[in-house]
Amino acid sequence: MKEQFERYLIDCGYKQITPSGNPSTVYDYIKRIDKICEWENISWEQLATNIHIILPQYNVGGNKEDLGKKSHNAVINALRRFSDYVIQNL
């Protein structure tokens, strides 16, 4: 599932590498989803199945909002893109 999400992000126009040659948004979002799975102690597949429950927890007003805001909202943005991917592909 991780590879399909990576392809989805690339197809959506997200960058793999910054102009300076460093990993960019695609890599960062995958890393963030890995971290969320670690925090929740679930697999990517379980996250996909429960995205409708987990996403609101990391969003504004959710009980894990502070985690969602990490790194200028990168965590919640990664979750939102993963949710979009799940809705469109599963």
C-alpha atoms as a PDB file:
ATOM      1  CA  MET A   1       0.000   0.000   0.000  1.00  0.00           C
ATOM      2  CA  LYS A   2       2.907   2.316   0.747  1.00  0.00           C
ATOM      3  CA  GLU A   3       4.172   2.079  -2.829  1.00  0.00           C
ATOM      4  CA  GLN A   4       0.714   2.777  -4.255  1.00  0.00           C
ATOM      5  CA  PHE A   5       0.367   5.839  -2.019  1.00  0.00           C
ATOM      6  CA  GLU A   6       3.770   7.040  -3.203  1.00  0.00           C
ATOM      7  CA  ARG A   7       2.664   6.649  -6.838  1.00  0.00           C
ATOM      8  CA  TYR A   8      -0.604   8.463  -6.038  1.00  0.00           C
ATOM      9  CA  LEU A   9       1.278  11.435  -4.559  1.00  0.00           C
ATOM     10  CA  ILE A  10       3.615  11.602  -7.550  1.00  0.00           C
ATOM     11  CA  ASP A  11       0.654  11.412  -9.936  1.00  0.00           C
ATOM     12  CA  CYS A  12      -0.964  14.276  -7.994  1.00  0.00           C
ATOM     13  CA  GLY A  13       2.106  16.410  -8.650  1.00  0.00           C
ATOM     14  CA  TYR A  14       3.859  16.208  -5.295  1.00  0.00           C
ATOM     15  CA  LYS A  15       7.632  16.443  -5.519  1.00  0.00           C
ATOM     16  CA  GLN A  16      10.035  13.617  -4.697  1.00  0.00           C
ATOM     17  CA  ILE A  17      13.167  15.750  -4.514  1.00  0.00           C
ATOM     18  CA  THR A  18      13.772  19.397  -3.636  1.00  0.00           C
ATOM     19  CA  PRO A  19      15.793  21.623  -5.988  1.00  0.00           C
ATOM     20  CA  SER A  20      18.771  21.096  -3.666  1.00  0.00           C
ATOM     21  CA  GLY A  21      18.461  17.307  -4.015  1.00  0.00           C
ATOM     22  CA  ASN A  22      16.887  16.493  -0.654  1.00  0.00           C
ATOM     23  CA  PRO A  23      13.806  14.272  -0.175  1.00  0.00           C
ATOM     24  CA  SER A  24      10.625  16.296  -0.584  1.00  0.00           C
ATOM     25  CA  THR A  25       6.888  16.049   0.074  1.00  0.00           C
ATOM     26  CA  VAL A  26       6.333  12.504  -1.209  1.00  0.00           C
ATOM     27  CA  TYR A  27       8.999  11.103   1.092  1.00  0.00           C
ATOM     28  CA  ASP A  28       7.859  13.295   3.994  1.00  0.00           C
ATOM     29  CA  TYR A  29       4.201  12.246   3.754  1.00  0.00           C
ATOM     30  CA  ILE A  30       5.133   8.561   3.625  1.00  0.00           C
ATOM     31  CA  LYS A  31       7.321   9.035   6.695  1.00  0.00           C
ATOM     32  CA  ARG A  32       4.450  10.818   8.479  1.00  0.00           C
ATOM     33  CA  ILE A  33       2.002   7.994   7.720  1.00  0.00           C
ATOM     34  CA  ASP A  34       4.585   5.501   9.015  1.00  0.00           C
ATOM     35  CA  LYS A  35       4.800   7.554  12.223  1.00  0.00           C
ATOM     36  CA  ILE A  36       1.006   7.694  12.639  1.00  0.00           C
ATOM     37  CA  CYS A  37       0.838   3.922  12.212  1.00  0.00           C
ATOM     38  CA  GLU A  38       3.512   3.615  14.900  1.00  0.00           C
ATOM     39  CA  TRP A  39       1.623   5.952  17.261  1.00  0.00           C
ATOM     40  CA  GLU A  40      -1.631   4.083  16.672  1.00  0.00           C
ATOM     41  CA  ASN A  41       0.082   0.667  16.678  1.00  0.00           C
ATOM     42  CA  ILE A  42      -1.610  -0.299  13.412  1.00  0.00           C
ATOM     43  CA  SER A  43      -0.641  -1.208   9.853  1.00  0.00           C
ATOM     44  CA  TRP A  44      -1.158   0.942   6.770  1.00  0.00           C
ATOM     45  CA  GLU A  45      -4.086  -1.311   5.850  1.00  0.00           C
ATOM     46  CA  GLN A  46      -5.673  -0.846   9.270  1.00  0.00           C
ATOM     47  CA  LEU A  47      -5.176   2.912   8.968  1.00  0.00           C
ATOM     48  CA  ALA A  48      -6.921   2.847   5.582  1.00  0.00           C
ATOM     49  CA  THR A  49      -9.846   0.902   7.043  1.00  0.00           C
ATOM     50  CA  ASN A  50     -10.162   3.301   9.996  1.00  0.00           C
ATOM     51  CA  ILE A  51      -9.190   6.582   8.326  1.00  0.00           C
ATOM     52  CA  HIS A  52     -12.674   7.998   8.950  1.00  0.00           C
ATOM     53  CA  ILE A  53     -12.104   7.530  12.706  1.00  0.00           C
ATOM     54  CA  ILE A  54      -8.414   8.440  12.941  1.00  0.00           C
ATOM     55  CA  LEU A  55      -8.302  11.525  10.703  1.00  0.00           C
ATOM     56  CA  PRO A  56     -10.681  13.601  12.881  1.00  0.00           C
ATOM     57  CA  GLN A  57      -8.581  12.839  15.969  1.00  0.00           C
ATOM     58  CA  TYR A  58      -5.573  14.614  14.407  1.00  0.00           C
ATOM     59  CA  ASN A  59      -7.629  17.449  12.923  1.00  0.00           C
ATOM     60  CA  VAL A  60      -8.593  20.737  14.569  1.00  0.00           C
ATOM     61  CA  GLY A  61     -10.592  19.974  17.713  1.00  0.00           C
ATOM     62  CA  GLY A  62      -9.513  16.349  17.852  1.00  0.00           C
ATOM     63  CA  ASN A  63      -7.907  14.786  20.901  1.00  0.00           C
ATOM     64  CA  LYS A  64      -4.587  14.447  18.999  1.00  0.00           C
ATOM     65  CA  GLU A  65      -4.697  17.879  17.357  1.00  0.00           C
ATOM     66  CA  ASP A  66      -1.255  18.790  18.760  1.00  0.00           C
ATOM     67  CA  LEU A  67       0.281  15.831  16.912  1.00  0.00           C
ATOM     68  CA  GLY A  68      -1.572  16.835  13.748  1.00  0.00           C
ATOM     69  CA  LYS A  69      -0.059  20.316  13.914  1.00  0.00           C
ATOM     70  CA  LYS A  70       3.531  19.055  14.058  1.00  0.00           C
ATOM     71  CA  SER A  71       5.934  20.466  11.475  1.00  0.00           C
ATOM     72  CA  HIS A  72       3.575  23.160  10.176  1.00  0.00           C
ATOM     73  CA  ASN A  73       0.600  20.767   9.904  1.00  0.00           C
ATOM     74  CA  ALA A  74       2.553  18.159   7.918  1.00  0.00           C
ATOM     75  CA  VAL A  75       1.032  15.311   9.937  1.00  0.00           C
ATOM     76  CA  ILE A  76      -2.603  16.260   9.327  1.00  0.00           C
ATOM     77  CA  ASN A  77      -1.854  17.131   5.704  1.00  0.00           C
ATOM     78  CA  ALA A  78      -0.295  13.700   5.155  1.00  0.00           C
ATOM     79  CA  LEU A  79      -3.366  12.097   6.741  1.00  0.00           C
ATOM     80  CA  ARG A  80      -5.674  14.140   4.517  1.00  0.00           C
ATOM     81  CA  ARG A  81      -3.811  13.045   1.385  1.00  0.00           C
ATOM     82  CA  PHE A  82      -3.876   9.447   2.592  1.00  0.00           C
ATOM     83  CA  SER A  83      -7.619   9.762   3.145  1.00  0.00           C
ATOM     84  CA  ASP A  84      -8.026  11.100  -0.398  1.00  0.00           C
ATOM     85  CA  TYR A  85      -5.984   8.169  -1.688  1.00  0.00           C
ATOM     86  CA  VAL A  86      -8.101   5.666   0.247  1.00  0.00           C
ATOM     87  CA  ILE A  87     -11.373   7.183  -1.001  1.00  0.00           C
ATOM     88  CA  GLN A  88     -10.218   7.150  -4.622  1.00  0.00           C
ATOM     89  CA  ASN A  89      -8.488   3.778  -4.686  1.00  0.00           C
ATOM     90  CA  LEU A  90     -10.049   1.351  -2.234  1.00  0.00           C
END
